């Protein structure tokens, strides 16, 4: 398969690297020093599942150089989706499919607005990874798995081919029976974890072990469950218990990407995580007081990172 990885960060770099390692025709779309390092030295991946490198690696900052591909694996941040969709246009032809791996629940609809019905496959990545330096991806935990499915939840030939490609790359890959359920199940984990981690600056091991923050995690999950059900997403009754069990199974030092971005003073996915819970809750008249607290508490730092507000550190 011809695959373009648009956004070769933690998720895109790792999964794209595994696909390239397995012999798939992968081109990485990257920028700046990260792109230069990939071009000159290849893409290096340090992983708890085994280190590897792709050398030489196909990489560019211009999608026109690549042309239409079978699959666009989208690894940009959720707040970059609108810009990415416009820049990706040369990659997407009549037979292409777009597989977004953003955290949150709104990216597939955003891409469908640009590329039209039938071009987008919903996707969920379960991995703790990030760019550790130019040309270097560091994978520190999580299942390192993907789950995807057509937005109408019907079986398709292309999702079957995608699964075969991932399996061939030694990546656990599943076709979801209901991709919207899968997206919201991850959202129930990542939004409370990311927001609470950013406010407290504590890793997951601390959040789960301190009774007060553990209770906040569960309350945040419950708010998302009620928002999801207001939108007729059929989440199971045990989803919070399963999510808490997942939290308890993670490496104690784990942190969310949003937490790391906010602490570093970078723009983050706050609007797509806690902000989205608040916004979608208001649309459905579902109260979300914990997420309102997290969103409003972090908003000044987000505005500062985007240059829209100034105050001393």
C-alpha atoms as a PDB file:
ATOM      1  CA  UNK A   1       0.000   0.000   0.000  1.00  0.00           C
ATOM      2  CA  UNK A   2       1.075   3.576  -0.624  1.00  0.00           C
ATOM      3  CA  UNK A   3       0.795   5.347   2.702  1.00  0.00           C
ATOM      4  CA  UNK A   4       1.427   8.969   3.618  1.00  0.00           C
ATOM      5  CA  UNK A   5       1.941   9.794   7.282  1.00  0.00           C
ATOM      6  CA  UNK A   6       0.818  13.394   7.692  1.00  0.00           C
ATOM      7  CA  UNK A   7       2.338  14.413  11.004  1.00  0.00           C
ATOM      8  CA  UNK A   8       5.233  12.150  11.961  1.00  0.00           C
ATOM      9  CA  UNK A   9       4.935  12.699  15.710  1.00  0.00           C
ATOM     10  CA  UNK A  10       4.498  10.189  18.506  1.00  0.00           C
ATOM     11  CA  UNK A  11       1.656   8.187  16.980  1.00  0.00           C
ATOM     12  CA  UNK A  12       2.241   8.866  13.280  1.00  0.00           C
ATOM     13  CA  UNK A  13       5.980   8.307  13.542  1.00  0.00           C
ATOM     14  CA  UNK A  14       5.618   5.064  15.480  1.00  0.00           C
ATOM     15  CA  UNK A  15       2.881   3.426  13.418  1.00  0.00           C
ATOM     16  CA  UNK A  16       4.222   4.761  10.133  1.00  0.00           C
ATOM     17  CA  UNK A  17       7.658   3.513  11.116  1.00  0.00           C
ATOM     18  CA  UNK A  18       6.327   0.025  11.854  1.00  0.00           C
ATOM     19  CA  UNK A  19       4.557  -0.051   8.482  1.00  0.00           C
ATOM     20  CA  UNK A  20       7.725   1.081   6.685  1.00  0.00           C
ATOM     21  CA  UNK A  21       9.775  -1.491   8.595  1.00  0.00           C
ATOM     22  CA  UNK A  22       7.417  -4.160   7.241  1.00  0.00           C
ATOM     23  CA  UNK A  23       8.006  -3.040   3.660  1.00  0.00           C
ATOM     24  CA  UNK A  24       4.999  -0.818   3.011  1.00  0.00           C
ATOM     25  CA  UNK A  25       5.574   2.222   0.774  1.00  0.00           C
ATOM     26  CA  UNK A  26       5.484   4.964   3.434  1.00  0.00           C
ATOM     27  CA  UNK A  27       6.269   8.661   3.045  1.00  0.00           C
ATOM     28  CA  UNK A  28       6.473  10.880   6.119  1.00  0.00           C
ATOM     29  CA  UNK A  29       5.184  14.463   5.891  1.00  0.00           C
ATOM     30  CA  UNK A  30       7.116  16.473   8.460  1.00  0.00           C
ATOM     31  CA  UNK A  31       8.645  19.904   9.007  1.00  0.00           C
ATOM     32  CA  UNK A  32      11.710  21.722  10.284  1.00  0.00           C
ATOM     33  CA  UNK A  33      14.500  19.978  12.140  1.00  0.00           C
ATOM     34  CA  UNK A  34      12.439  16.807  12.463  1.00  0.00           C
ATOM     35  CA  UNK A  35      12.173  16.572   8.665  1.00  0.00           C
ATOM     36  CA  UNK A  36      15.863  17.340   8.155  1.00  0.00           C
ATOM     37  CA  UNK A  37      16.899  14.662  10.613  1.00  0.00           C
ATOM     38  CA  UNK A  38      14.625  12.050   9.004  1.00  0.00           C
ATOM     39  CA  UNK A  39      16.009  12.874   5.565  1.00  0.00           C
ATOM     40  CA  UNK A  40      19.640  12.812   6.666  1.00  0.00           C
ATOM     41  CA  UNK A  41      19.688  10.057   9.269  1.00  0.00           C
ATOM     42  CA  UNK A  42      16.394   8.180   8.866  1.00  0.00           C
ATOM     43  CA  UNK A  43      13.596   7.825  11.393  1.00  0.00           C
ATOM     44  CA  UNK A  44      14.696   6.308  14.693  1.00  0.00           C
ATOM     45  CA  UNK A  45      12.236   4.738  17.113  1.00  0.00           C
ATOM     46  CA  UNK A  46      13.069   3.839  20.703  1.00  0.00           C
ATOM     47  CA  UNK A  47      10.345   1.474  21.849  1.00  0.00           C
ATOM     48  CA  UNK A  48       9.504  -0.759  24.785  1.00  0.00           C
ATOM     49  CA  UNK A  49       8.614  -3.262  22.061  1.00  0.00           C
ATOM     50  CA  UNK A  50      12.068  -3.043  20.482  1.00  0.00           C
ATOM     51  CA  UNK A  51      14.081  -0.206  18.946  1.00  0.00           C
ATOM     52  CA  UNK A  52      14.335   0.157  15.182  1.00  0.00           C
ATOM     53  CA  UNK A  53      15.139   2.681  12.478  1.00  0.00           C
ATOM     54  CA  UNK A  54      13.951   3.393   8.962  1.00  0.00           C
ATOM     55  CA  UNK A  55      16.989   4.349   6.922  1.00  0.00           C
ATOM     56  CA  UNK A  56      16.700   5.731   4.381  1.00  0.00           C
ATOM     57  CA  UNK A  57      13.223   7.104   5.001  1.00  0.00           C
ATOM     58  CA  UNK A  58      11.016   8.834   2.447  1.00  0.00           C
ATOM     59  CA  UNK A  59      10.159  12.257   3.854  1.00  0.00           C
ATOM     60  CA  UNK A  60       9.014  15.645   2.570  1.00  0.00           C
ATOM     61  CA  UNK A  61       7.194  18.765   3.679  1.00  0.00           C
ATOM     62  CA  UNK A  62       5.267  19.067   0.407  1.00  0.00           C
ATOM     63  CA  UNK A  63       2.335  16.689  -0.241  1.00  0.00           C
ATOM     64  CA  UNK A  64       2.514  17.650  -3.940  1.00  0.00           C
ATOM     65  CA  UNK A  65       5.781  15.672  -4.072  1.00  0.00           C
ATOM     66  CA  UNK A  66       3.901  12.536  -3.031  1.00  0.00           C
ATOM     67  CA  UNK A  67       0.616  12.702  -4.935  1.00  0.00           C
ATOM     68  CA  UNK A  68      -2.385  10.483  -4.347  1.00  0.00           C
ATOM     69  CA  UNK A  69      -1.943   7.561  -1.968  1.00  0.00           C
ATOM     70  CA  UNK A  70      -4.040   4.653  -0.754  1.00  0.00           C
ATOM     71  CA  UNK A  71      -4.100   5.787   2.873  1.00  0.00           C
ATOM     72  CA  UNK A  72      -3.320   9.040   4.664  1.00  0.00           C
ATOM     73  CA  UNK A  73      -2.429   8.280   8.281  1.00  0.00           C
ATOM     74  CA  UNK A  74      -3.043  11.581  10.084  1.00  0.00           C
ATOM     75  CA  UNK A  75      -0.925  12.097  13.186  1.00  0.00           C
ATOM     76  CA  UNK A  76      -1.199  15.850  13.777  1.00  0.00           C
ATOM     77  CA  UNK A  77      -2.664  17.329  16.964  1.00  0.00           C
ATOM     78  CA  UNK A  78      -6.422  17.786  17.130  1.00  0.00           C
ATOM     79  CA  UNK A  79      -6.094  21.578  16.959  1.00  0.00           C
ATOM     80  CA  UNK A  80      -4.209  21.237  13.651  1.00  0.00           C
ATOM     81  CA  UNK A  81      -6.922  19.192  11.889  1.00  0.00           C
ATOM     82  CA  UNK A  82      -8.498  22.013   9.853  1.00  0.00           C
ATOM     83  CA  UNK A  83      -5.133  23.209   8.502  1.00  0.00           C
ATOM     84  CA  UNK A  84      -3.962  19.653   7.869  1.00  0.00           C
ATOM     85  CA  UNK A  85      -7.106  18.792   5.905  1.00  0.00           C
ATOM     86  CA  UNK A  86      -6.404  21.611   3.451  1.00  0.00           C
ATOM     87  CA  UNK A  87      -2.707  20.783   3.097  1.00  0.00           C
ATOM     88  CA  UNK A  88      -3.487  17.079   2.556  1.00  0.00           C
ATOM     89  CA  UNK A  89      -5.605  17.612  -0.541  1.00  0.00           C
ATOM     90  CA  UNK A  90      -2.887  16.472  -3.038  1.00  0.00           C
ATOM     91  CA  UNK A  91      -2.676  13.132  -1.188  1.00  0.00           C
ATOM     92  CA  UNK A  92      -6.381  12.310  -1.383  1.00  0.00           C
ATOM     93  CA  UNK A  93      -7.741  10.907  -4.610  1.00  0.00           C
ATOM     94  CA  UNK A  94     -10.989   9.135  -5.539  1.00  0.00           C
ATOM     95  CA  UNK A  95      -9.780   5.832  -4.079  1.00  0.00           C
ATOM     96  CA  UNK A  96      -7.881   7.195  -1.076  1.00  0.00           C
ATOM     97  CA  UNK A  97      -8.948   6.935   2.532  1.00  0.00           C
ATOM     98  CA  UNK A  98      -8.073   9.198   5.431  1.00  0.00           C
ATOM     99  CA  UNK A  99      -7.355   7.559   8.796  1.00  0.00           C
ATOM    100  CA  UNK A 100      -7.190  10.170  11.589  1.00  0.00           C
ATOM    101  CA  UNK A 101      -5.561   9.096  14.866  1.00  0.00           C
ATOM    102  CA  UNK A 102      -6.301  12.240  16.887  1.00  0.00           C
ATOM    103  CA  UNK A 103      -7.423  12.053  20.480  1.00  0.00           C
ATOM    104  CA  UNK A 104     -10.975  13.321  20.837  1.00  0.00           C
ATOM    105  CA  UNK A 105     -14.232  12.545  19.064  1.00  0.00           C
ATOM    106  CA  UNK A 106     -14.591  15.253  16.417  1.00  0.00           C
ATOM    107  CA  UNK A 107     -11.727  14.772  13.921  1.00  0.00           C
ATOM    108  CA  UNK A 108     -13.473  12.251  11.591  1.00  0.00           C
ATOM    109  CA  UNK A 109     -16.396  14.631  11.039  1.00  0.00           C
ATOM    110  CA  UNK A 110     -14.001  17.515  10.365  1.00  0.00           C
ATOM    111  CA  UNK A 111     -12.180  15.529   7.675  1.00  0.00           C
ATOM    112  CA  UNK A 112     -15.478  14.398   6.140  1.00  0.00           C
ATOM    113  CA  UNK A 113     -16.525  18.028   5.812  1.00  0.00           C
ATOM    114  CA  UNK A 114     -13.460  18.612   3.627  1.00  0.00           C
ATOM    115  CA  UNK A 115     -13.191  15.353   1.669  1.00  0.00           C
ATOM    116  CA  UNK A 116     -16.827  14.259   1.556  1.00  0.00           C
ATOM    117  CA  UNK A 117     -18.656  11.148   2.713  1.00  0.00           C
ATOM    118  CA  UNK A 118     -16.919   7.806   2.299  1.00  0.00           C
ATOM    119  CA  UNK A 119     -13.333   9.096   2.315  1.00  0.00           C
ATOM    120  CA  UNK A 120     -12.725   8.897   6.070  1.00  0.00           C
ATOM    121  CA  UNK A 121     -12.188   5.891   8.336  1.00  0.00           C
ATOM    122  CA  UNK A 122     -12.467   6.500  12.072  1.00  0.00           C
ATOM    123  CA  UNK A 123      -9.368   5.537  14.038  1.00  0.00           C
ATOM    124  CA  UNK A 124      -8.142   5.120  17.608  1.00  0.00           C
ATOM    125  CA  UNK A 125      -4.460   4.830  18.571  1.00  0.00           C
ATOM    126  CA  UNK A 126      -3.554   3.456  21.979  1.00  0.00           C
ATOM    127  CA  UNK A 127       0.041   4.364  22.677  1.00  0.00           C
ATOM    128  CA  UNK A 128       2.214   6.580  24.891  1.00  0.00           C
ATOM    129  CA  UNK A 129       4.809   8.059  22.541  1.00  0.00           C
ATOM    130  CA  UNK A 130       6.271  11.396  21.555  1.00  0.00           C
ATOM    131  CA  UNK A 131       9.015  13.113  19.581  1.00  0.00           C
ATOM    132  CA  UNK A 132      12.100  12.868  21.797  1.00  0.00           C
ATOM    133  CA  UNK A 133      14.310  14.840  19.410  1.00  0.00           C
ATOM    134  CA  UNK A 134      14.688  15.556  15.695  1.00  0.00           C
ATOM    135  CA  UNK A 135      14.141  12.284  13.837  1.00  0.00           C
ATOM    136  CA  UNK A 136      13.570  10.353  17.071  1.00  0.00           C
ATOM    137  CA  UNK A 137      10.293   8.847  18.338  1.00  0.00           C
ATOM    138  CA  UNK A 138      10.172   7.461  21.873  1.00  0.00           C
ATOM    139  CA  UNK A 139       7.490   4.878  22.715  1.00  0.00           C
ATOM    140  CA  UNK A 140       7.281   4.381  26.484  1.00  0.00           C
ATOM    141  CA  UNK A 141       4.081   2.402  27.023  1.00  0.00           C
ATOM    142  CA  UNK A 142       0.504   1.619  26.183  1.00  0.00           C
ATOM    143  CA  UNK A 143      -0.660  -1.270  24.000  1.00  0.00           C
ATOM    144  CA  UNK A 144       0.744   0.330  20.805  1.00  0.00           C
ATOM    145  CA  UNK A 145      -2.408  -0.787  19.031  1.00  0.00           C
ATOM    146  CA  UNK A 146      -4.859   0.691  16.541  1.00  0.00           C
ATOM    147  CA  UNK A 147      -8.577   0.239  16.085  1.00  0.00           C
ATOM    148  CA  UNK A 148     -10.494   1.587  13.125  1.00  0.00           C
ATOM    149  CA  UNK A 149     -13.732   1.244  11.215  1.00  0.00           C
ATOM    150  CA  UNK A 150     -15.999   2.813   8.648  1.00  0.00           C
ATOM    151  CA  UNK A 151     -18.055   5.676  10.056  1.00  0.00           C
ATOM    152  CA  UNK A 152     -21.252   3.799   9.154  1.00  0.00           C
ATOM    153  CA  UNK A 153     -19.847   0.721  10.958  1.00  0.00           C
ATOM    154  CA  UNK A 154     -20.209  -1.451   7.849  1.00  0.00           C
ATOM    155  CA  UNK A 155     -17.461  -3.906   6.865  1.00  0.00           C
ATOM    156  CA  UNK A 156     -15.301  -2.854   3.927  1.00  0.00           C
ATOM    157  CA  UNK A 157     -12.466  -4.150   1.799  1.00  0.00           C
ATOM    158  CA  UNK A 158     -10.230  -1.200   2.651  1.00  0.00           C
ATOM    159  CA  UNK A 159     -10.441  -1.695   6.418  1.00  0.00           C
ATOM    160  CA  UNK A 160      -9.564  -5.340   5.821  1.00  0.00           C
ATOM    161  CA  UNK A 161      -6.509  -4.314   3.808  1.00  0.00           C
ATOM    162  CA  UNK A 162      -5.515  -1.814   6.480  1.00  0.00           C
ATOM    163  CA  UNK A 163      -5.733  -4.453   9.165  1.00  0.00           C
ATOM    164  CA  UNK A 164      -3.599  -6.851   7.108  1.00  0.00           C
ATOM    165  CA  UNK A 165      -0.963  -4.131   6.669  1.00  0.00           C
ATOM    166  CA  UNK A 166      -0.823  -3.368  10.392  1.00  0.00           C
ATOM    167  CA  UNK A 167      -0.788  -7.032  11.383  1.00  0.00           C
ATOM    168  CA  UNK A 168       2.044  -7.559   8.905  1.00  0.00           C
ATOM    169  CA  UNK A 169       3.911  -4.783  10.716  1.00  0.00           C
ATOM    170  CA  UNK A 170       3.479  -6.542  14.090  1.00  0.00           C
ATOM    171  CA  UNK A 171       0.966  -3.926  15.247  1.00  0.00           C
ATOM    172  CA  UNK A 172      -2.144  -5.113  17.044  1.00  0.00           C
ATOM    173  CA  UNK A 173      -5.016  -3.901  14.870  1.00  0.00           C
ATOM    174  CA  UNK A 174      -8.750  -4.421  15.163  1.00  0.00           C
ATOM    175  CA  UNK A 175     -11.718  -3.461  13.010  1.00  0.00           C
ATOM    176  CA  UNK A 176     -14.230  -1.949  15.389  1.00  0.00           C
ATOM    177  CA  UNK A 177     -17.808  -3.169  15.585  1.00  0.00           C
ATOM    178  CA  UNK A 178     -18.714   0.470  16.380  1.00  0.00           C
ATOM    179  CA  UNK A 179     -15.953   2.999  15.804  1.00  0.00           C
ATOM    180  CA  UNK A 180     -17.904   5.770  17.542  1.00  0.00           C
ATOM    181  CA  UNK A 181     -18.043   3.692  20.714  1.00  0.00           C
ATOM    182  CA  UNK A 182     -14.284   3.118  20.423  1.00  0.00           C
ATOM    183  CA  UNK A 183     -13.607   6.847  20.021  1.00  0.00           C
ATOM    184  CA  UNK A 184     -15.732   7.760  23.027  1.00  0.00           C
ATOM    185  CA  UNK A 185     -14.263   4.968  25.155  1.00  0.00           C
ATOM    186  CA  UNK A 186     -10.788   6.398  24.628  1.00  0.00           C
ATOM    187  CA  UNK A 187     -12.158   9.910  25.191  1.00  0.00           C
ATOM    188  CA  UNK A 188     -13.475   8.802  28.597  1.00  0.00           C
ATOM    189  CA  UNK A 189      -9.880   7.936  29.517  1.00  0.00           C
ATOM    190  CA  UNK A 190      -7.846  10.656  27.888  1.00  0.00           C
ATOM    191  CA  UNK A 191      -9.846  13.831  28.626  1.00  0.00           C
ATOM    192  CA  UNK A 192     -10.059  13.503  32.438  1.00  0.00           C
ATOM    193  CA  UNK A 193      -6.499  12.144  32.610  1.00  0.00           C
ATOM    194  CA  UNK A 194      -5.080  14.932  30.437  1.00  0.00           C
ATOM    195  CA  UNK A 195      -6.968  17.763  32.104  1.00  0.00           C
ATOM    196  CA  UNK A 196      -6.353  16.616  35.655  1.00  0.00           C
ATOM    197  CA  UNK A 197      -2.709  15.837  34.893  1.00  0.00           C
ATOM    198  CA  UNK A 198      -2.231  19.328  33.464  1.00  0.00           C
ATOM    199  CA  UNK A 199      -3.822  21.018  36.482  1.00  0.00           C
ATOM    200  CA  UNK A 200      -1.962  18.948  39.086  1.00  0.00           C
ATOM    201  CA  UNK A 201       1.225  18.329  37.036  1.00  0.00           C
ATOM    202  CA  UNK A 202       1.152  14.797  38.441  1.00  0.00           C
ATOM    203  CA  UNK A 203       1.690  11.516  36.534  1.00  0.00           C
ATOM    204  CA  UNK A 204      -0.920   8.822  36.248  1.00  0.00           C
ATOM    205  CA  UNK A 205       0.443   6.807  39.165  1.00  0.00           C
ATOM    206  CA  UNK A 206      -0.113   9.743  41.518  1.00  0.00           C
ATOM    207  CA  UNK A 207      -3.539  10.596  40.118  1.00  0.00           C
ATOM    208  CA  UNK A 208      -4.810   7.065  40.693  1.00  0.00           C
ATOM    209  CA  UNK A 209      -3.241   6.622  44.144  1.00  0.00           C
ATOM    210  CA  UNK A 210      -4.402   9.843  45.792  1.00  0.00           C
ATOM    211  CA  UNK A 211      -8.052   9.189  46.757  1.00  0.00           C
ATOM    212  CA  UNK A 212      -9.184  12.739  45.963  1.00  0.00           C
ATOM    213  CA  UNK A 213      -7.715  12.807  42.433  1.00  0.00           C
ATOM    214  CA  UNK A 214      -8.871   9.249  41.768  1.00  0.00           C
ATOM    215  CA  UNK A 215     -12.391  10.388  42.617  1.00  0.00           C
ATOM    216  CA  UNK A 216     -11.984  13.330  40.219  1.00  0.00           C
ATOM    217  CA  UNK A 217     -10.901  10.964  37.438  1.00  0.00           C
ATOM    218  CA  UNK A 218     -14.019   8.863  37.968  1.00  0.00           C
ATOM    219  CA  UNK A 219     -16.251  11.939  38.101  1.00  0.00           C
ATOM    220  CA  UNK A 220     -14.762  13.220  34.832  1.00  0.00           C
ATOM    221  CA  UNK A 221     -15.383   9.850  33.205  1.00  0.00           C
ATOM    222  CA  UNK A 222     -18.991   9.874  34.416  1.00  0.00           C
ATOM    223  CA  UNK A 223     -19.599  13.308  32.883  1.00  0.00           C
ATOM    224  CA  UNK A 224     -18.345  12.101  29.495  1.00  0.00           C
ATOM    225  CA  UNK A 225     -20.490   8.973  29.741  1.00  0.00           C
ATOM    226  CA  UNK A 226     -23.599  11.130  30.182  1.00  0.00           C
ATOM    227  CA  UNK A 227     -22.622  13.378  27.261  1.00  0.00           C
ATOM    228  CA  UNK A 228     -22.020  10.340  25.043  1.00  0.00           C
ATOM    229  CA  UNK A 229     -25.385   8.822  25.892  1.00  0.00           C
ATOM    230  CA  UNK A 230     -27.093  12.143  25.162  1.00  0.00           C
ATOM    231  CA  UNK A 231     -25.656  11.733  21.639  1.00  0.00           C
ATOM    232  CA  UNK A 232     -26.922   8.134  21.423  1.00  0.00           C
ATOM    233  CA  UNK A 233     -23.459   6.578  21.655  1.00  0.00           C
ATOM    234  CA  UNK A 234     -24.191   3.137  23.151  1.00  0.00           C
ATOM    235  CA  UNK A 235     -21.438   2.934  25.754  1.00  0.00           C
ATOM    236  CA  UNK A 236     -21.666  -0.061  28.072  1.00  0.00           C
ATOM    237  CA  UNK A 237     -22.555   0.184  31.756  1.00  0.00           C
ATOM    238  CA  UNK A 238     -19.104  -1.084  32.772  1.00  0.00           C
ATOM    239  CA  UNK A 239     -17.088   1.385  30.688  1.00  0.00           C
ATOM    240  CA  UNK A 240     -15.928   3.443  33.685  1.00  0.00           C
ATOM    241  CA  UNK A 241     -14.883   0.353  35.654  1.00  0.00           C
ATOM    242  CA  UNK A 242     -12.921  -0.906  32.628  1.00  0.00           C
ATOM    243  CA  UNK A 243     -11.308   2.489  32.114  1.00  0.00           C
ATOM    244  CA  UNK A 244     -10.251   2.739  35.762  1.00  0.00           C
ATOM    245  CA  UNK A 245      -8.782  -0.761  35.479  1.00  0.00           C
ATOM    246  CA  UNK A 246      -6.803   0.457  32.444  1.00  0.00           C
ATOM    247  CA  UNK A 247      -5.583   3.478  34.438  1.00  0.00           C
ATOM    248  CA  UNK A 248      -4.435   1.118  37.194  1.00  0.00           C
ATOM    249  CA  UNK A 249      -2.484  -0.988  34.696  1.00  0.00           C
ATOM    250  CA  UNK A 250      -0.391   1.843  33.264  1.00  0.00           C
ATOM    251  CA  UNK A 251       3.223   2.730  34.047  1.00  0.00           C
ATOM    252  CA  UNK A 252       3.101   5.093  37.070  1.00  0.00           C
ATOM    253  CA  UNK A 253       5.216   7.771  35.359  1.00  0.00           C
ATOM    254  CA  UNK A 254       2.867   8.107  32.357  1.00  0.00           C
ATOM    255  CA  UNK A 255       1.591  11.545  31.346  1.00  0.00           C
ATOM    256  CA  UNK A 256      -0.820  12.725  28.650  1.00  0.00           C
ATOM    257  CA  UNK A 257       0.389  14.682  25.615  1.00  0.00           C
ATOM    258  CA  UNK A 258      -1.874  17.617  26.529  1.00  0.00           C
ATOM    259  CA  UNK A 259      -0.339  17.734  29.993  1.00  0.00           C
ATOM    260  CA  UNK A 260       3.178  17.784  28.536  1.00  0.00           C
ATOM    261  CA  UNK A 261       2.289  20.501  26.028  1.00  0.00           C
ATOM    262  CA  UNK A 262       0.685  22.779  28.624  1.00  0.00           C
ATOM    263  CA  UNK A 263       3.582  22.380  31.069  1.00  0.00           C
ATOM    264  CA  UNK A 264       6.033  23.197  28.261  1.00  0.00           C
ATOM    265  CA  UNK A 265       4.065  26.302  27.265  1.00  0.00           C
ATOM    266  CA  UNK A 266       3.033  24.898  23.886  1.00  0.00           C
ATOM    267  CA  UNK A 267      -0.432  25.027  22.281  1.00  0.00           C
ATOM    268  CA  UNK A 268      -2.373  21.959  23.343  1.00  0.00           C
ATOM    269  CA  UNK A 269      -5.491  19.940  22.583  1.00  0.00           C
ATOM    270  CA  UNK A 270      -7.433  21.539  25.440  1.00  0.00           C
ATOM    271  CA  UNK A 271     -10.288  22.635  23.152  1.00  0.00           C
ATOM    272  CA  UNK A 272     -10.633  19.127  21.681  1.00  0.00           C
ATOM    273  CA  UNK A 273     -10.540  17.390  25.075  1.00  0.00           C
ATOM    274  CA  UNK A 274     -12.001  19.157  28.119  1.00  0.00           C
ATOM    275  CA  UNK A 275     -13.300  22.027  25.991  1.00  0.00           C
ATOM    276  CA  UNK A 276     -15.193  19.598  23.778  1.00  0.00           C
ATOM    277  CA  UNK A 277     -16.787  17.899  26.795  1.00  0.00           C
ATOM    278  CA  UNK A 278     -18.048  21.283  28.005  1.00  0.00           C
ATOM    279  CA  UNK A 279     -19.264  22.362  24.572  1.00  0.00           C
ATOM    280  CA  UNK A 280     -20.988  19.079  23.711  1.00  0.00           C
ATOM    281  CA  UNK A 281     -22.481  18.927  27.185  1.00  0.00           C
ATOM    282  CA  UNK A 282     -23.995  22.372  26.795  1.00  0.00           C
ATOM    283  CA  UNK A 283     -25.460  21.427  23.425  1.00  0.00           C
ATOM    284  CA  UNK A 284     -27.245  18.489  25.080  1.00  0.00           C
ATOM    285  CA  UNK A 285     -28.046  20.316  28.344  1.00  0.00           C
ATOM    286  CA  UNK A 286     -25.819  17.853  30.245  1.00  0.00           C
ATOM    287  CA  UNK A 287     -23.896  19.408  33.171  1.00  0.00           C
ATOM    288  CA  UNK A 288     -20.125  18.890  33.136  1.00  0.00           C
ATOM    289  CA  UNK A 289     -18.858  20.818  36.205  1.00  0.00           C
ATOM    290  CA  UNK A 290     -15.546  18.988  36.586  1.00  0.00           C
ATOM    291  CA  UNK A 291     -14.596  19.512  32.950  1.00  0.00           C
ATOM    292  CA  UNK A 292     -15.694  23.148  33.198  1.00  0.00           C
ATOM    293  CA  UNK A 293     -13.289  23.543  36.124  1.00  0.00           C
ATOM    294  CA  UNK A 294     -10.432  21.863  34.231  1.00  0.00           C
ATOM    295  CA  UNK A 295     -11.093  23.769  30.997  1.00  0.00           C
ATOM    296  CA  UNK A 296     -11.489  27.174  32.655  1.00  0.00           C
ATOM    297  CA  UNK A 297      -8.433  26.618  34.877  1.00  0.00           C
ATOM    298  CA  UNK A 298      -6.196  25.730  31.940  1.00  0.00           C
ATOM    299  CA  UNK A 299      -7.558  28.260  29.459  1.00  0.00           C
ATOM    300  CA  UNK A 300      -5.248  31.147  30.503  1.00  0.00           C
ATOM    301  CA  UNK A 301      -2.187  28.943  29.878  1.00  0.00           C
ATOM    302  CA  UNK A 302      -3.616  27.872  26.511  1.00  0.00           C
ATOM    303  CA  UNK A 303      -4.259  31.460  25.467  1.00  0.00           C
ATOM    304  CA  UNK A 304      -0.755  32.436  26.571  1.00  0.00           C
ATOM    305  CA  UNK A 305       0.770  29.593  24.525  1.00  0.00           C
ATOM    306  CA  UNK A 306      -1.115  30.871  21.480  1.00  0.00           C
ATOM    307  CA  UNK A 307       0.094  34.437  21.974  1.00  0.00           C
ATOM    308  CA  UNK A 308      -3.387  35.761  22.800  1.00  0.00           C
ATOM    309  CA  UNK A 309      -2.658  36.543  26.449  1.00  0.00           C
ATOM    310  CA  UNK A 310       0.418  37.651  28.349  1.00  0.00           C
ATOM    311  CA  UNK A 311       1.276  37.277  32.024  1.00  0.00           C
ATOM    312  CA  UNK A 312       4.434  36.469  34.009  1.00  0.00           C
ATOM    313  CA  UNK A 313       5.397  32.814  34.478  1.00  0.00           C
END
